[in-house]
N, C-alpha and C. Protein backbone atom coordinates (compact mmCIF):
# COMPACT_ATOMS: atom_id res chain seq x y z
N MET A 1 144.60 -41.09 62.75
CA MET A 1 143.39 -41.77 62.70
C MET A 1 142.90 -40.99 63.58
N VAL A 2 141.38 -40.48 63.79
CA VAL A 2 141.02 -40.05 65.13
C VAL A 2 139.91 -40.80 65.14
N VAL A 3 139.48 -41.01 67.31
CA VAL A 3 138.41 -42.42 67.92
C VAL A 3 138.30 -40.87 68.73
N SER A 4 136.61 -40.99 69.03
CA SER A 4 135.71 -39.95 69.48
C SER A 4 135.18 -40.94 70.65
N ASN A 5 135.28 -40.24 71.90
CA ASN A 5 134.96 -41.20 72.74
C ASN A 5 133.08 -40.64 73.02
N GLU A 6 132.62 -40.28 71.78
CA GLU A 6 130.29 -40.04 72.09
C GLU A 6 130.59 -41.41 70.67
N PRO A 7 129.45 -42.29 71.48
CA PRO A 7 128.69 -42.69 71.03
C PRO A 7 128.51 -42.32 69.16
N LEU A 8 127.27 -42.96 68.30
CA LEU A 8 128.30 -42.36 67.47
C LEU A 8 126.77 -42.14 66.74
N TRP A 9 125.61 -42.21 67.73
CA TRP A 9 124.24 -42.27 67.14
C TRP A 9 123.44 -40.79 69.19
N GLN A 10 124.60 -40.19 68.74
CA GLN A 10 124.80 -39.05 69.51
C GLN A 10 123.39 -38.28 68.85
N ASP A 11 124.32 -37.39 67.78
CA ASP A 11 124.43 -36.74 67.00
C ASP A 11 122.88 -36.81 66.32
N ALA A 12 122.34 -38.09 65.85
CA ALA A 12 120.72 -37.99 65.37
C ALA A 12 119.83 -37.79 67.01
N VAL A 13 120.32 -37.98 68.48
CA VAL A 13 119.37 -37.81 69.75
C VAL A 13 119.36 -36.73 69.65
N ASP A 14 120.66 -35.91 69.79
CA ASP A 14 120.75 -34.35 69.72
C ASP A 14 119.08 -33.31 68.53
N ASN A 15 119.06 -34.40 67.57
CA ASN A 15 118.22 -33.42 67.56
C ASN A 15 117.21 -33.70 67.61
N PHE A 16 116.67 -34.58 68.98
CA PHE A 16 115.31 -34.62 68.79
C PHE A 16 115.81 -33.99 69.89
N VAL A 17 116.42 -32.54 70.86
CA VAL A 17 115.99 -32.11 71.68
C VAL A 17 115.25 -31.08 71.73
N ARG A 18 114.02 -30.71 72.80
CA ARG A 18 114.15 -29.54 72.73
C ARG A 18 114.32 -28.79 74.07
N GLU A 19 114.38 -26.78 73.71
CA GLU A 19 114.91 -26.59 74.78
C GLU A 19 113.15 -25.35 74.60
N TYR A 20 113.64 -25.27 75.97
CA TYR A 20 111.73 -24.03 76.52
C TYR A 20 112.26 -23.27 76.97
N ASP A 21 111.98 -21.17 76.87
CA ASP A 21 113.61 -20.96 78.12
C ASP A 21 112.20 -20.81 78.32
N GLU A 22 110.11 -20.72 78.49
CA GLU A 22 109.48 -20.84 79.49
C GLU A 22 108.22 -21.24 79.48
N ALA A 23 108.33 -22.54 80.38
CA ALA A 23 107.41 -23.85 80.26
C ALA A 23 106.97 -24.14 81.86
N VAL A 24 105.78 -25.13 81.72
CA VAL A 24 105.18 -25.67 82.72
C VAL A 24 105.22 -27.06 83.16
N VAL A 25 106.31 -27.81 83.63
CA VAL A 25 106.24 -29.09 84.13
C VAL A 25 105.66 -29.12 84.75
N TYR A 26 104.21 -30.29 84.15
CA TYR A 26 103.01 -30.93 85.27
C TYR A 26 103.13 -32.62 86.05
N ALA A 27 102.72 -32.78 87.13
CA ALA A 27 102.82 -34.24 87.42
C ALA A 27 101.54 -34.27 87.57
N ASP A 28 100.71 -35.01 86.57
CA ASP A 28 99.14 -35.58 87.18
C ASP A 28 98.10 -33.95 87.04
N ARG A 29 98.24 -33.20 88.11
CA ARG A 29 97.36 -32.26 87.91
C ARG A 29 98.24 -31.47 88.55
N GLU A 30 99.40 -31.23 89.13
CA GLU A 30 100.57 -30.98 89.90
C GLU A 30 101.45 -30.89 89.25
N THR A 31 101.77 -28.80 89.65
CA THR A 31 102.85 -27.90 89.01
C THR A 31 103.60 -28.45 89.34
N ILE A 32 105.15 -29.15 88.84
CA ILE A 32 106.04 -29.33 89.41
C ILE A 32 107.91 -28.56 89.36
N LEU A 33 107.09 -28.01 88.26
CA LEU A 33 107.94 -27.15 87.82
C LEU A 33 108.03 -25.45 87.02
N GLN A 34 108.41 -24.48 86.83
CA GLN A 34 107.81 -23.58 86.29
C GLN A 34 109.39 -22.82 85.67
N GLY A 35 109.36 -22.73 84.41
CA GLY A 35 111.04 -22.23 84.47
C GLY A 35 111.85 -23.01 82.89
N PRO A 36 112.93 -22.69 82.38
CA PRO A 36 113.77 -22.45 81.14
C PRO A 36 113.64 -24.74 81.76
N VAL A 37 113.37 -25.64 80.88
CA VAL A 37 113.81 -26.58 80.44
C VAL A 37 114.27 -27.29 78.93
N ARG A 38 114.94 -28.25 79.29
CA ARG A 38 114.95 -29.63 78.03
C ARG A 38 114.40 -30.62 78.26
N LEU A 39 114.01 -31.31 76.81
CA LEU A 39 113.45 -32.08 76.78
C LEU A 39 113.86 -33.02 75.56
N LEU A 40 114.70 -34.05 76.36
CA LEU A 40 115.97 -34.28 76.15
C LEU A 40 115.02 -35.87 74.99
N GLY A 41 115.93 -36.23 73.94
CA GLY A 41 115.64 -37.17 72.98
C GLY A 41 114.74 -38.52 73.44
N ASN A 42 115.22 -38.72 74.65
CA ASN A 42 114.77 -40.12 75.00
C ASN A 42 113.73 -39.92 75.90
N GLY A 43 113.81 -38.62 76.31
CA GLY A 43 111.91 -38.49 77.09
C GLY A 43 112.12 -37.70 78.00
N TRP A 44 113.80 -38.35 78.22
CA TRP A 44 113.94 -37.27 79.94
C TRP A 44 113.66 -35.53 80.43
N VAL A 45 113.56 -35.12 81.24
CA VAL A 45 113.31 -33.19 80.94
C VAL A 45 115.30 -33.07 81.88
N GLU A 46 115.03 -32.29 81.49
CA GLU A 46 116.54 -31.88 81.96
C GLU A 46 116.28 -30.35 82.72
N LEU A 47 116.56 -30.25 83.78
CA LEU A 47 116.47 -28.46 84.56
C LEU A 47 117.95 -28.07 84.98
N PRO A 48 117.65 -26.89 85.04
CA PRO A 48 118.92 -25.70 84.51
C PRO A 48 119.64 -26.16 86.13
N THR A 49 119.68 -26.92 86.11
CA THR A 49 120.56 -27.29 87.64
C THR A 49 121.02 -28.53 86.77
N GLY A 50 120.72 -29.06 85.90
CA GLY A 50 120.85 -29.78 85.48
C GLY A 50 120.41 -31.52 86.08
N ARG A 51 119.82 -31.33 86.62
CA ARG A 51 118.53 -32.67 87.55
C ARG A 51 117.55 -32.96 86.02
N LEU A 52 117.51 -33.88 86.46
CA LEU A 52 117.36 -34.94 85.66
C LEU A 52 115.47 -35.27 86.02
N LEU A 53 114.50 -35.32 84.76
CA LEU A 53 112.86 -35.97 85.39
C LEU A 53 112.85 -37.39 84.98
N SER A 54 112.60 -38.15 85.50
CA SER A 54 111.66 -38.71 84.70
C SER A 54 110.43 -39.11 83.54
N PRO A 55 110.69 -38.81 82.31
CA PRO A 55 109.40 -39.32 81.62
C PRO A 55 108.34 -39.76 82.56
N ARG A 56 108.20 -40.75 83.82
CA ARG A 56 107.57 -41.79 84.04
C ARG A 56 106.57 -40.26 85.17
N ALA A 57 107.28 -39.32 85.69
CA ALA A 57 107.33 -38.34 86.53
C ALA A 57 106.18 -37.58 86.21
N VAL A 58 106.59 -37.24 84.66
CA VAL A 58 106.26 -35.76 84.50
C VAL A 58 104.93 -36.41 83.25
N HIS A 59 103.62 -35.58 83.49
CA HIS A 59 102.07 -35.70 82.78
C HIS A 59 102.53 -35.46 81.60
N HIS A 60 102.85 -33.83 81.20
CA HIS A 60 103.13 -33.16 80.72
C HIS A 60 103.56 -31.82 81.11
N ILE A 61 103.86 -31.31 79.64
CA ILE A 61 105.26 -30.11 80.05
C ILE A 61 103.35 -29.12 78.92
N ASP A 62 104.02 -28.23 79.14
CA ASP A 62 102.57 -26.60 78.93
C ASP A 62 104.66 -25.57 78.51
N ARG A 63 103.85 -25.04 77.25
CA ARG A 63 105.03 -23.82 76.14
C ARG A 63 104.56 -22.39 76.48
N CYS A 64 104.91 -21.73 77.27
CA CYS A 64 104.17 -20.55 78.07
C CYS A 64 105.10 -19.86 76.77
N GLU A 65 104.31 -18.12 75.93
CA GLU A 65 104.83 -18.12 74.74
C GLU A 65 105.45 -16.20 75.53
């Protein structure tokens, strides 16, 4: 029998992850980050360093194309 240590819902959450190569992250009217980010399915923003920004800290994200 194969037993996984990953939660069963992990695949469903991974379908909602968005990755942006160039984005600007804002907290209210102030820019807090410019560069690549991952928007996780639970609303948290993952930085390239692995740090996470709370959904409460982020006002909006603009994609740069």
